[in-house]
C-alpha cells in the first residue's frame, strides 16, 4: 500500500516513515511543505495520504488545502489528517465533498502504533477514522441539529463510536450490549438520517459524514 506522508518536523516525519515501513507500507513520498505535498499527491496518486494540517510556507492550513486540492483532482483520494489540536473547521472542510476515506487524528494517537496503523488502513480502505476527542466536541455541538437531534442518547453513543471507525462487534464490546442491539441502533440511525438502502459499510460512512458535516 503506497503512502504519501507530509510532516514538517523531521524527527516525527522520520519516525512515521519507519513505523509505516515496519507495517509493510510503501512510502511513495515524504515531504515537509504544502506545495511538494500537492505535487506528490497529484503525480503519485497514492493509496492514502497522511497529512499534517499545518505545513510551510504558511503554517496555517497548508497541508489540508493541498489535500483538498488533490481530492478535487483525484476524487475519493483517501486522506488521514494529523493535527496538534481539535480544530472542528478542518474536520468539516475535509468531509465536505463526502467521498473517499477520511480520517482526523490528534498527533498524540501516533504514539499508539496499533491505533495509528489501524486508522491508516481503515482510511485507505474507504472508511473513517475520527479521533474520540473530535467526536466528543462535535457531539456536544450537534445535539440540537436535525435530524441528529432525533437520536436517542444510546444512538448518539453508537453514532460516535461508528465515527471512530468501530465495527458493530467492537461497539457492542465497548457499550457492553449485544451485537444485535447495536444492529438495531444502527438501523434506527440510518432511518433517522434518511439514508437509502445499500450495503451497510456504505451507509455507515454516509452516516458518519452526515454526523460530522453538521457540526
Protein backbone atom coordinates (compact mmCIF):
# COMPACT_ATOMS: atom_id res chain seq x y z
CA UNK A 1 0.00 0.00 0.00
CA UNK A 2 1.53 3.29 -1.14
CA UNK A 3 1.56 6.30 1.20
CA UNK A 4 2.37 9.97 0.70
CA UNK A 5 3.34 11.50 4.04
CA UNK A 6 3.53 15.21 4.87
CA UNK A 7 5.05 16.41 8.16
CA UNK A 8 7.37 19.38 8.63
CA UNK A 9 9.09 18.13 11.80
CA UNK A 10 11.99 15.93 10.70
CA UNK A 11 12.05 13.62 13.71
CA UNK A 12 8.31 12.96 13.57
CA UNK A 13 8.37 12.53 9.79
CA UNK A 14 11.27 10.08 10.02
CA UNK A 15 9.54 8.20 12.82
CA UNK A 16 6.31 7.91 10.84
CA UNK A 17 8.22 6.66 7.80
CA UNK A 18 9.92 3.96 9.88
CA UNK A 19 6.65 2.98 11.56
CA UNK A 20 4.72 2.70 8.30
CA UNK A 21 7.50 0.75 6.64
CA UNK A 22 7.59 -1.64 9.59
CA UNK A 23 3.96 -2.48 8.81
CA UNK A 24 4.69 -3.08 5.11
CA UNK A 25 3.53 0.27 3.75
CA UNK A 26 5.49 1.71 0.84
CA UNK A 27 6.42 5.37 1.27
CA UNK A 28 5.88 6.90 -2.16
CA UNK A 29 6.98 10.31 -0.85
CA UNK A 30 7.70 12.02 2.47
CA UNK A 31 7.55 15.81 2.19
CA UNK A 32 7.70 18.78 4.55
CA UNK A 33 5.67 21.55 2.86
CA UNK A 34 2.36 22.21 1.13
CA UNK A 35 3.46 22.73 -2.50
CA UNK A 36 5.52 19.50 -2.51
CA UNK A 37 2.62 17.63 -0.92
CA UNK A 38 0.18 18.82 -3.58
CA UNK A 39 2.55 17.79 -6.38
CA UNK A 40 3.25 14.39 -4.82
CA UNK A 41 -0.43 13.58 -4.34
CA UNK A 42 -1.45 14.52 -7.88
CA UNK A 43 1.55 12.94 -9.60
CA UNK A 44 1.97 9.79 -7.49
CA UNK A 45 -1.71 9.07 -6.69
CA UNK A 46 -1.04 7.08 -3.51
CA UNK A 47 -3.41 4.65 -1.83
CA UNK A 48 -3.62 7.00 1.15
CA UNK A 49 -2.24 10.38 2.23
CA UNK A 50 -1.15 11.06 5.82
CA UNK A 51 -1.07 14.83 6.18
CA UNK A 52 -0.20 17.33 8.89
CA UNK A 53 -2.69 20.24 8.79
CA UNK A 54 -0.10 22.97 9.30
CA UNK A 55 2.81 22.95 6.89
CA UNK A 56 5.21 25.52 5.43
CA UNK A 57 5.17 28.04 3.97
CA UNK A 58 2.17 29.50 5.81
CA UNK A 59 1.95 27.14 8.82
CA UNK A 60 -1.84 27.65 8.84
CA UNK A 61 -3.81 25.06 6.88
CA UNK A 62 -1.33 24.44 4.07
CA UNK A 63 -1.42 20.65 4.42
CA UNK A 64 -5.19 20.44 4.49
CA UNK A 65 -5.60 22.73 1.49
CA UNK A 66 -3.08 20.68 -0.51
CA UNK A 67 -5.02 17.52 0.33
CA UNK A 68 -8.34 19.13 -0.62
CA UNK A 69 -6.90 20.30 -3.92
CA UNK A 70 -5.64 16.79 -4.64
CA UNK A 71 -9.06 15.33 -3.84
CA UNK A 72 -10.57 17.62 -6.46
CA UNK A 73 -8.05 16.27 -8.97
CA UNK A 74 -8.42 12.67 -7.73
CA UNK A 75 -11.98 12.19 -6.39
CA UNK A 76 -12.10 9.85 -3.43
CA UNK A 77 -8.39 10.10 -2.59
CA UNK A 78 -8.14 8.73 1.00
CA UNK A 79 -6.76 11.34 3.40
CA UNK A 80 -5.83 10.95 7.06
CA UNK A 81 -5.21 14.34 8.67
CA UNK A 82 -2.98 14.78 11.71
CA UNK A 83 -3.37 17.81 13.96
CA UNK A 84 -1.95 19.04 17.25
CA UNK A 85 -5.37 20.21 18.47
CA UNK A 86 -9.07 19.62 17.87
CA UNK A 87 -9.93 22.04 15.07
CA UNK A 88 -13.52 21.39 14.04
CA UNK A 89 -13.41 23.63 10.97
CA UNK A 90 -10.78 21.37 9.41
CA UNK A 91 -12.86 18.26 10.09
CA UNK A 92 -15.88 19.82 8.37
CA UNK A 93 -13.86 21.04 5.39
CA UNK A 94 -12.26 17.65 4.86
CA UNK A 95 -15.64 15.93 4.91
CA UNK A 96 -17.44 18.45 2.74
CA UNK A 97 -17.20 16.54 -0.55
CA UNK A 98 -18.50 13.33 1.02
CA UNK A 99 -16.30 10.97 -1.00
CA UNK A 100 -13.43 8.64 -0.20
CA UNK A 101 -11.89 7.52 3.06
CA UNK A 102 -11.24 10.29 5.58
CA UNK A 103 -9.67 10.50 9.00
CA UNK A 104 -8.76 13.10 11.59
CA UNK A 105 -6.39 12.13 14.39
CA UNK A 106 -4.64 14.13 17.05
CA UNK A 107 -0.88 13.67 16.90
CA UNK A 108 -0.92 12.07 20.34
CA UNK A 109 -2.52 8.99 18.73
CA UNK A 110 0.59 8.48 16.60
CA UNK A 111 2.38 7.19 19.70
CA UNK A 112 -0.06 4.26 19.84
CA UNK A 113 1.31 2.33 16.87
CA UNK A 114 -1.55 -0.17 16.59
CA UNK A 115 -4.22 2.56 16.74
CA UNK A 116 -2.41 4.71 14.18
CA UNK A 117 -1.78 1.87 11.72
CA UNK A 118 -5.37 0.69 12.07
CA UNK A 119 -6.56 4.22 11.25
CA UNK A 120 -4.34 4.42 8.14
CA UNK A 121 -5.64 1.08 6.89
CA UNK A 122 -9.28 1.99 7.54
CA UNK A 123 -8.99 5.29 5.68
CA UNK A 124 -7.13 3.64 2.79
CA UNK A 125 -9.99 1.14 2.58
CA UNK A 126 -12.55 3.94 2.18
CA UNK A 127 -13.64 4.10 5.83
CA UNK A 128 -13.40 6.72 8.56
CA UNK A 129 -11.06 7.17 11.48
CA UNK A 130 -12.02 10.10 13.67
CA UNK A 131 -10.30 10.97 16.93
CA UNK A 132 -12.52 10.41 20.00
CA UNK A 133 -11.83 13.98 21.20
CA UNK A 134 -13.03 15.38 17.87
CA UNK A 135 -16.15 13.23 18.07
CA UNK A 136 -16.82 14.36 21.64
CA UNK A 137 -16.70 18.04 20.71
CA UNK A 138 -18.79 17.59 17.57
CA UNK A 139 -21.36 15.61 19.53
CA UNK A 140 -21.67 18.42 22.05
CA UNK A 141 -22.39 20.91 19.26
CA UNK A 142 -24.73 18.65 17.31
CA UNK A 143 -27.34 17.83 19.96
CA UNK A 144 -29.84 20.43 18.68
CA UNK A 145 -29.37 19.79 14.97
CA UNK A 146 -31.99 17.94 12.92
CA UNK A 147 -32.17 15.09 12.16
CA UNK A 148 -29.29 14.35 14.51
CA UNK A 149 -31.32 15.83 17.33
CA UNK A 150 -33.74 12.92 16.94
CA UNK A 151 -31.14 10.39 18.03
CA UNK A 152 -31.60 8.90 21.47
CA UNK A 153 -28.68 9.11 23.94
CA UNK A 154 -27.76 5.48 23.19
CA UNK A 155 -27.98 6.06 19.43
CA UNK A 156 -25.71 9.07 19.84
CA UNK A 157 -23.19 6.87 21.66
CA UNK A 158 -23.35 4.32 18.86
CA UNK A 159 -23.01 7.10 16.26
CA UNK A 160 -19.92 8.47 17.99
CA UNK A 161 -18.28 5.03 18.04
CA UNK A 162 -19.21 4.48 14.39
CA UNK A 163 -17.46 7.76 13.61
CA UNK A 164 -14.31 6.40 15.25
CA UNK A 165 -14.50 3.59 12.69
CA UNK A 166 -15.54 0.82 15.08
CA UNK A 167 -17.43 -2.26 13.88
CA UNK A 168 -20.71 -3.44 15.41
CA UNK A 169 -18.80 -6.11 17.34
CA UNK A 170 -16.38 -3.52 18.75
CA UNK A 171 -19.24 -1.15 19.62
CA UNK A 172 -21.09 -3.95 21.42
CA UNK A 173 -17.98 -4.74 23.46
CA UNK A 174 -17.41 -1.08 24.31
CA UNK A 175 -21.03 -0.47 25.41
CA UNK A 176 -21.42 -3.91 26.99
CA UNK A 177 -24.51 -4.76 24.93
CA UNK A 178 -25.30 -7.44 22.37
CA UNK A 179 -24.30 -7.13 18.73
CA UNK A 180 -28.00 -7.49 17.90
CA UNK A 181 -28.78 -4.41 20.00
CA UNK A 182 -26.09 -2.43 18.17
CA UNK A 183 -27.51 -3.55 14.82
CA UNK A 184 -30.93 -2.26 15.90
CA UNK A 185 -29.45 1.09 16.92
CA UNK A 186 -27.57 1.47 13.62
CA UNK A 187 -30.75 0.67 11.68
CA UNK A 188 -32.57 3.38 13.64
CA UNK A 189 -29.73 5.82 12.92
CA UNK A 190 -29.88 5.09 9.19
CA UNK A 191 -33.64 5.63 9.21
CA UNK A 192 -33.46 8.91 11.13
CA UNK A 193 -30.75 10.21 8.82
CA UNK A 194 -32.89 9.17 5.83
CA UNK A 195 -30.14 7.06 4.29
CA UNK A 196 -31.29 4.83 1.42
CA UNK A 197 -30.88 1.08 1.48
CA UNK A 198 -27.42 -0.02 0.33
CA UNK A 199 -24.61 -2.11 1.77
CA UNK A 200 -24.06 -1.45 5.46
CA UNK A 201 -20.44 -0.30 5.02
CA UNK A 202 -21.54 2.43 2.61
CA UNK A 203 -24.37 3.57 4.87
CA UNK A 204 -22.05 3.68 7.86
CA UNK A 205 -19.70 6.03 6.02
CA UNK A 206 -22.62 8.19 4.83
CA UNK A 207 -24.00 8.33 8.37
CA UNK A 208 -20.64 9.41 9.77
CA UNK A 209 -20.26 12.05 7.07
CA UNK A 210 -23.75 13.39 7.79
CA UNK A 211 -22.97 13.39 11.50
CA UNK A 212 -19.69 15.25 11.21
CA UNK A 213 -20.73 17.64 8.45
CA UNK A 214 -23.47 19.14 10.62
CA UNK A 215 -21.17 20.40 13.35
